[in-house]
């Protein structure tokens, strides 16, 4: 993962969540909100997991279906 990149996980009710790798929490929230709005999902920014350990995410659905989490951008869901 890049020098200052961080992974964020936003739980989404009725969906698994949104995974983002970016430089700041503000950038993560912006990308997650844009994606959530596109799909009509609701996110609660207070529930964000900063520096998420991807090994703790759903092994049957998230891990096999996610994009590269070591580069900047949204890695789950793949869009």
Protein backbone atom coordinates (compact mmCIF):
# COMPACT_ATOMS: atom_id res chain seq x y z
CA UNK A 1 0.00 0.00 0.00
CA UNK A 2 1.22 3.53 -0.73
CA UNK A 3 3.04 5.52 1.91
CA UNK A 4 0.09 7.41 3.40
CA UNK A 5 -2.83 5.48 1.95
CA UNK A 6 -5.33 4.11 4.46
CA UNK A 7 -8.17 1.61 4.15
CA UNK A 8 -11.67 2.50 5.31
CA UNK A 9 -14.78 0.34 5.62
CA UNK A 10 -18.28 1.83 5.73
CA UNK A 11 -21.01 -0.62 6.80
CA UNK A 12 -24.19 -0.29 4.73
CA UNK A 13 -27.51 -1.56 6.13
CA UNK A 14 -28.92 -4.23 3.83
CA UNK A 15 -25.63 -4.51 1.98
CA UNK A 16 -22.15 -5.64 3.01
CA UNK A 17 -20.48 -2.24 2.91
CA UNK A 18 -18.17 0.07 1.02
CA UNK A 19 -14.39 -0.31 1.06
CA UNK A 20 -12.19 2.65 0.16
CA UNK A 21 -8.43 3.29 0.13
CA UNK A 22 -7.48 6.97 0.26
CA UNK A 23 -5.27 9.47 2.06
CA UNK A 24 -7.73 11.07 4.50
CA UNK A 25 -10.95 10.25 6.34
CA UNK A 26 -12.64 13.18 4.58
CA UNK A 27 -11.74 11.77 1.17
CA UNK A 28 -12.99 8.33 2.22
CA UNK A 29 -16.32 9.76 3.34
CA UNK A 30 -16.72 11.74 0.12
CA UNK A 31 -16.13 8.68 -2.09
CA UNK A 32 -18.34 6.45 0.06
CA UNK A 33 -21.16 9.00 0.06
CA UNK A 34 -20.95 9.41 -3.73
CA UNK A 35 -21.21 5.65 -4.23
CA UNK A 36 -23.97 5.26 -1.65
CA UNK A 37 -25.97 8.02 -3.31
CA UNK A 38 -25.58 6.36 -6.71
CA UNK A 39 -27.14 3.14 -5.37
CA UNK A 40 -29.64 4.69 -2.95
CA UNK A 41 -27.81 3.32 0.09
CA UNK A 42 -27.52 4.99 3.48
CA UNK A 43 -24.21 5.17 5.32
CA UNK A 44 -23.52 6.30 8.85
CA UNK A 45 -20.13 8.02 8.96
CA UNK A 46 -19.87 7.33 12.70
CA UNK A 47 -19.68 3.59 11.94
CA UNK A 48 -16.65 3.83 9.65
CA UNK A 49 -13.77 1.46 10.41
CA UNK A 50 -10.50 3.29 9.83
CA UNK A 51 -7.42 1.26 8.89
CA UNK A 52 -9.62 -1.79 8.44
CA UNK A 53 -7.92 -5.18 8.49
CA UNK A 54 -9.38 -6.81 5.39
CA UNK A 55 -8.89 -10.23 6.96
CA UNK A 56 -11.75 -9.30 9.29
CA UNK A 57 -14.20 -8.72 6.43
CA UNK A 58 -16.65 -11.29 5.07
CA UNK A 59 -14.52 -14.11 3.67
CA UNK A 60 -17.26 -15.55 1.45
CA UNK A 61 -18.50 -12.39 -0.23
CA UNK A 62 -16.25 -9.37 0.29
CA UNK A 63 -12.78 -10.89 -0.09
CA UNK A 64 -13.39 -12.84 -3.33
CA UNK A 65 -15.26 -9.92 -4.92
CA UNK A 66 -13.15 -6.93 -3.99
CA UNK A 67 -10.78 -4.96 -6.17
CA UNK A 68 -7.25 -3.93 -5.31
CA UNK A 69 -7.26 -2.44 -1.83
CA UNK A 70 -3.65 -1.27 -2.02
CA UNK A 71 -4.33 1.52 -4.51
CA UNK A 72 -6.37 4.68 -4.14
CA UNK A 73 -10.09 4.28 -4.80
CA UNK A 74 -13.13 2.17 -4.05
CA UNK A 75 -12.33 -1.52 -3.80
CA UNK A 76 -15.68 -2.86 -2.61
CA UNK A 77 -18.01 -3.16 -4.25
CA UNK A 78 -16.11 -3.20 -7.50
CA UNK A 79 -17.55 -0.44 -9.62
